[in-house]
Each structure stands twice: as structure tokens, then as C-alpha cells.
Amino acid sequence: MRIDKFLWSIRFYKTRNIAAEEIKKNRVSIGENPVKSSKEVKEGDVIKIRRNQIDYKIKVLQIPKSRIGAKLVPLHITDLTDKEQYEILKIRRMSQDYYRQKGEGRPTKKDRRDMDDFVDADTSSSMSEEDWDLFFTDDIEQSE
């Protein structure tokens, strides 16, 4: 089976076209050698894949006849990826969650109106310079 079809059939890539593009970009190799999409995969091959800035390593156990279900994938490949790679991925995801929670997305119209109301209410209750002077002088007099 061709390597692009194999990576698609074991659900490593969503489409065969995406798999072929990644292979063209030299992100997939068997052993240490980058491959072409037409390279035949055999049982026992160790495939290295660079994806999401992580180096995955899988070993081919069986060649599927066509695309298989997610539950059947472990029957066809073994994951040999280093644990450090998964730690890097975990840290990267945590840093992205810190920046923005998953699912928040863009604010809705209602969210924007609420923000505008909050900002307008905040500016309408601004204090004059006299009020600020009184505010700070009262604090000084009370502390003495």
C-alpha cells in the first residue's frame, strides 16, 4: 500500500490529499530517508512523521485493506513516539489555554453590547479634577 494511502487509512491524516502534501514537504520518512507518496509500506517499517511540531514514530504491524475505524488502529500500528514529545505537546496546549480558553471564540453581539455598556458606564461616572483633589486630600488628612 502507498504511504499516503496508509497514513490516511490509519486515520493519521483526515484526507489522502493532506497526507500527500505533508509527504511532499518532507515531513514523513521511513527510517531516516524522506519518502515520496508512491513509496510502498511494508509490515515492520518504522515511519517518522513531523506534525504539530512533534516527531511521531509509528511501527507498521499490518497493512489495512482500506480506511479503518479508530478502534481498530492499534491492531495495525504501534506508537513508538518518545514520551518527551507528548510532554512538549501537552505544555504547548496548556500555554495556548492560558492565552484563550477553548470554545470562547469571538464575542457575540450581546457580548459586545455588554462590553460597550460597561465601558460607557465607566466613562460617564468619571470624576472631575476637584473630586480627585478631594479624594487624595481626605486620605492624607485622615492618616495624620
C-alpha atoms as a PDB file:
ATOM      1  CA  MET A   1       0.000   0.000   0.000  1.00  0.00           C
ATOM      2  CA  ARG A   2       1.221   3.516  -0.798  1.00  0.00           C
ATOM      3  CA  ILE A   3       2.348   5.537   2.199  1.00  0.00           C
ATOM      4  CA  ASP A   4      -0.106   8.388   1.598  1.00  0.00           C
ATOM      5  CA  LYS A   5      -2.997   5.928   1.477  1.00  0.00           C
ATOM      6  CA  PHE A   6      -1.654   4.118   4.546  1.00  0.00           C
ATOM      7  CA  LEU A   7      -1.439   7.290   6.652  1.00  0.00           C
ATOM      8  CA  TRP A   8      -4.967   8.194   5.582  1.00  0.00           C
ATOM      9  CA  SER A   9      -6.313   4.695   6.241  1.00  0.00           C
ATOM     10  CA  ILE A  10      -4.929   4.579   9.803  1.00  0.00           C
ATOM     11  CA  ARG A  11      -6.501   7.992  10.422  1.00  0.00           C
ATOM     12  CA  PHE A  12      -3.253   9.889  10.910  1.00  0.00           C
ATOM     13  CA  TYR A  13      -4.438  12.452   8.366  1.00  0.00           C
ATOM     14  CA  LYS A  14      -8.004  13.462   7.616  1.00  0.00           C
ATOM     15  CA  THR A  15      -7.680  13.175   3.832  1.00  0.00           C
ATOM     16  CA  ARG A  16      -5.323  11.409   1.490  1.00  0.00           C
ATOM     17  CA  ASN A  17      -4.576  14.725  -0.192  1.00  0.00           C
ATOM     18  CA  ILE A  18      -3.343  16.232   3.089  1.00  0.00           C
ATOM     19  CA  ALA A  19      -1.165  13.165   3.638  1.00  0.00           C
ATOM     20  CA  ALA A  20       0.338  13.549   0.158  1.00  0.00           C
ATOM     21  CA  GLU A  21       1.047  17.264   0.765  1.00  0.00           C
ATOM     22  CA  GLU A  22       2.806  16.512   4.045  1.00  0.00           C
ATOM     23  CA  ILE A  23       4.911  13.873   2.311  1.00  0.00           C
ATOM     24  CA  LYS A  24       5.877  16.391  -0.396  1.00  0.00           C
ATOM     25  CA  LYS A  25       7.045  18.763   2.351  1.00  0.00           C
ATOM     26  CA  ASN A  26       9.425  16.004   3.603  1.00  0.00           C
ATOM     27  CA  ARG A  27       7.615  15.637   6.913  1.00  0.00           C
ATOM     28  CA  VAL A  28       7.287  11.868   6.540  1.00  0.00           C
ATOM     29  CA  SER A  29      10.170   9.409   6.385  1.00  0.00           C
ATOM     30  CA  ILE A  30      10.717   5.680   6.623  1.00  0.00           C
ATOM     31  CA  GLY A  31      13.832   5.045   8.645  1.00  0.00           C
ATOM     32  CA  GLU A  32      15.951   8.142   8.073  1.00  0.00           C
ATOM     33  CA  ASN A  33      15.040   8.700   4.415  1.00  0.00           C
ATOM     34  CA  PRO A  34      12.297  11.108   3.294  1.00  0.00           C
ATOM     35  CA  VAL A  35       9.815   9.345   1.036  1.00  0.00           C
ATOM     36  CA  LYS A  36       7.545  10.080  -1.893  1.00  0.00           C
ATOM     37  CA  SER A  37       3.793   9.434  -1.884  1.00  0.00           C
ATOM     38  CA  SER A  38       4.238   6.366  -4.077  1.00  0.00           C
ATOM     39  CA  LYS A  39       6.540   4.592  -1.586  1.00  0.00           C
ATOM     40  CA  GLU A  40       5.178   1.175  -0.638  1.00  0.00           C
ATOM     41  CA  VAL A  41       4.741   0.489   3.078  1.00  0.00           C
ATOM     42  CA  LYS A  42       5.617  -2.961   4.405  1.00  0.00           C
ATOM     43  CA  GLU A  43       4.965  -4.642   7.735  1.00  0.00           C
ATOM     44  CA  GLY A  44       7.724  -3.818  10.199  1.00  0.00           C
ATOM     45  CA  ASP A  45       8.532  -0.383   8.725  1.00  0.00           C
ATOM     46  CA  VAL A  46       9.135   2.437  11.210  1.00  0.00           C
ATOM     47  CA  ILE A  47       7.583   5.675   9.955  1.00  0.00           C
ATOM     48  CA  LYS A  48       8.625   9.070  11.351  1.00  0.00           C
ATOM     49  CA  ILE A  49       6.105  11.870  10.955  1.00  0.00           C
ATOM     50  CA  ARG A  50       6.592  15.544  11.836  1.00  0.00           C
ATOM     51  CA  ARG A  51       3.214  17.020  12.764  1.00  0.00           C
ATOM     52  CA  ASN A  52       2.269  19.930  15.070  1.00  0.00           C
ATOM     53  CA  GLN A  53       5.995  20.443  15.765  1.00  0.00           C
ATOM     54  CA  ILE A  54       6.121  16.949  17.261  1.00  0.00           C
ATOM     55  CA  ASP A  55       8.082  13.989  15.885  1.00  0.00           C
ATOM     56  CA  TYR A  56       5.808  10.930  15.882  1.00  0.00           C
ATOM     57  CA  LYS A  57       7.221   7.473  15.321  1.00  0.00           C
ATOM     58  CA  ILE A  58       4.980   4.524  14.423  1.00  0.00           C
ATOM     59  CA  LYS A  59       5.691   0.917  13.550  1.00  0.00           C
ATOM     60  CA  VAL A  60       3.556  -0.866  10.954  1.00  0.00           C
ATOM     61  CA  LEU A  61       2.095  -4.131  12.267  1.00  0.00           C
ATOM     62  CA  GLN A  62      -0.406  -4.866   9.480  1.00  0.00           C
ATOM     63  CA  ILE A  63      -1.488  -3.235   6.268  1.00  0.00           C
ATOM     64  CA  PRO A  64      -5.239  -2.440   6.265  1.00  0.00           C
ATOM     65  CA  LYS A  65      -7.266  -3.126   3.126  1.00  0.00           C
ATOM     66  CA  SER A  66      -8.948   0.293   3.308  1.00  0.00           C
ATOM     67  CA  ARG A  67      -9.694   3.073   5.812  1.00  0.00           C
ATOM     68  CA  ILE A  68     -10.371   1.581   9.236  1.00  0.00           C
ATOM     69  CA  GLY A  69     -12.283   2.662  12.309  1.00  0.00           C
ATOM     70  CA  ALA A  70     -10.469   4.449  15.117  1.00  0.00           C
ATOM     71  CA  LYS A  71     -10.868   1.484  17.465  1.00  0.00           C
ATOM     72  CA  LEU A  72      -9.051  -0.811  15.003  1.00  0.00           C
ATOM     73  CA  VAL A  73      -5.995   1.420  14.541  1.00  0.00           C
ATOM     74  CA  PRO A  74      -3.959  -0.226  17.384  1.00  0.00           C
ATOM     75  CA  LEU A  75      -4.216  -3.555  15.518  1.00  0.00           C
ATOM     76  CA  HIS A  76      -2.332  -2.060  12.560  1.00  0.00           C
ATOM     77  CA  ILE A  77       0.289   0.244  14.150  1.00  0.00           C
ATOM     78  CA  THR A  78       2.308   0.622  17.330  1.00  0.00           C
ATOM     79  CA  ASP A  79       3.160   4.067  18.692  1.00  0.00           C
ATOM     80  CA  LEU A  80       6.908   4.387  19.352  1.00  0.00           C
ATOM     81  CA  THR A  81       6.857   8.167  19.955  1.00  0.00           C
ATOM     82  CA  ASP A  82       9.056   9.368  22.821  1.00  0.00           C
ATOM     83  CA  LYS A  83       7.218  10.477  25.959  1.00  0.00           C
ATOM     84  CA  GLU A  84       9.140  13.765  25.823  1.00  0.00           C
ATOM     85  CA  GLN A  85       7.388  14.621  22.561  1.00  0.00           C
ATOM     86  CA  TYR A  86       3.991  14.203  24.208  1.00  0.00           C
ATOM     87  CA  GLU A  87       5.161  16.376  27.123  1.00  0.00           C
ATOM     88  CA  ILE A  88       6.121  19.111  24.660  1.00  0.00           C
ATOM     89  CA  LEU A  89       2.673  18.863  23.085  1.00  0.00           C
ATOM     90  CA  LYS A  90       0.982  18.992  26.494  1.00  0.00           C
ATOM     91  CA  ILE A  91       2.952  22.087  27.524  1.00  0.00           C
ATOM     92  CA  ARG A  92       2.169  23.792  24.211  1.00  0.00           C
ATOM     93  CA  ARG A  93      -1.567  23.133  24.644  1.00  0.00           C
ATOM     94  CA  MET A  94      -1.512  24.419  28.212  1.00  0.00           C
ATOM     95  CA  SER A  95       0.177  27.628  27.095  1.00  0.00           C
ATOM     96  CA  GLN A  96      -2.492  28.135  24.430  1.00  0.00           C
ATOM     97  CA  ASP A  97      -5.249  27.583  27.016  1.00  0.00           C
ATOM     98  CA  TYR A  98      -3.689  30.268  29.167  1.00  0.00           C
ATOM     99  CA  TYR A  99      -3.979  32.747  26.318  1.00  0.00           C
ATOM    100  CA  ARG A 100      -7.555  31.866  25.405  1.00  0.00           C
ATOM    101  CA  GLN A 101      -9.915  29.198  26.644  1.00  0.00           C
ATOM    102  CA  LYS A 102     -11.072  26.654  24.101  1.00  0.00           C
ATOM    103  CA  GLY A 103     -14.511  27.427  22.708  1.00  0.00           C
ATOM    104  CA  GLU A 104     -14.637  31.088  23.660  1.00  0.00           C
ATOM    105  CA  GLY A 105     -14.161  32.363  20.133  1.00  0.00           C
ATOM    106  CA  ARG A 106     -15.171  35.822  19.057  1.00  0.00           C
ATOM    107  CA  PRO A 107     -17.587  37.801  21.212  1.00  0.00           C
ATOM    108  CA  THR A 108     -21.230  37.675  20.151  1.00  0.00           C
ATOM    109  CA  LYS A 109     -23.318  40.781  19.522  1.00  0.00           C
ATOM    110  CA  LYS A 110     -24.723  40.504  23.018  1.00  0.00           C
ATOM    111  CA  ASP A 111     -21.219  40.242  24.480  1.00  0.00           C
ATOM    112  CA  ARG A 112     -20.122  43.327  22.549  1.00  0.00           C
ATOM    113  CA  ARG A 113     -23.174  45.303  23.694  1.00  0.00           C
ATOM    114  CA  ASP A 114     -22.471  44.314  27.292  1.00  0.00           C
ATOM    115  CA  MET A 115     -18.849  45.414  26.913  1.00  0.00           C
ATOM    116  CA  ASP A 116     -19.922  48.723  25.331  1.00  0.00           C
ATOM    117  CA  ASP A 117     -22.413  49.338  28.143  1.00  0.00           C
ATOM    118  CA  PHE A 118     -19.716  48.597  30.702  1.00  0.00           C
ATOM    119  CA  VAL A 119     -17.235  50.979  29.053  1.00  0.00           C
ATOM    120  CA  ASP A 120     -19.891  53.722  28.634  1.00  0.00           C
ATOM    121  CA  ALA A 121     -20.980  53.392  32.263  1.00  0.00           C
ATOM    122  CA  ASP A 122     -17.358  53.603  33.361  1.00  0.00           C
ATOM    123  CA  THR A 123     -16.675  56.817  31.387  1.00  0.00           C
ATOM    124  CA  SER A 124     -19.931  58.538  32.392  1.00  0.00           C
ATOM    125  CA  SER A 125     -19.057  58.334  36.080  1.00  0.00           C
ATOM    126  CA  SER A 126     -15.657  59.951  35.647  1.00  0.00           C
ATOM    127  CA  MET A 127     -14.563  62.246  38.422  1.00  0.00           C
ATOM    128  CA  SER A 128     -13.633  65.875  37.905  1.00  0.00           C
ATOM    129  CA  GLU A 129     -10.261  67.248  38.957  1.00  0.00           C
ATOM    130  CA  GLU A 130     -11.820  68.766  42.062  1.00  0.00           C
ATOM    131  CA  ASP A 131     -13.207  65.379  43.076  1.00  0.00           C
ATOM    132  CA  TRP A 132      -9.775  63.801  42.615  1.00  0.00           C
ATOM    133  CA  ASP A 133      -8.147  66.520  44.695  1.00  0.00           C
ATOM    134  CA  LEU A 134     -10.697  65.988  47.474  1.00  0.00           C
ATOM    135  CA  PHE A 135     -10.231  62.246  47.264  1.00  0.00           C
ATOM    136  CA  PHE A 136      -6.480  62.450  47.796  1.00  0.00           C
ATOM    137  CA  THR A 137      -6.547  65.234  50.383  1.00  0.00           C
ATOM    138  CA  ASP A 138      -9.105  63.393  52.505  1.00  0.00           C
ATOM    139  CA  ASP A 139      -6.837  60.364  52.618  1.00  0.00           C
ATOM    140  CA  ILE A 140      -3.839  62.407  53.717  1.00  0.00           C
ATOM    141  CA  GLU A 141      -5.755  64.255  56.421  1.00  0.00           C
ATOM    142  CA  GLN A 142      -7.241  61.044  57.801  1.00  0.00           C
ATOM    143  CA  SER A 143      -3.876  59.305  58.032  1.00  0.00           C
ATOM    144  CA  GLU A 144      -2.348  62.172  60.136  1.00  0.00           C
END
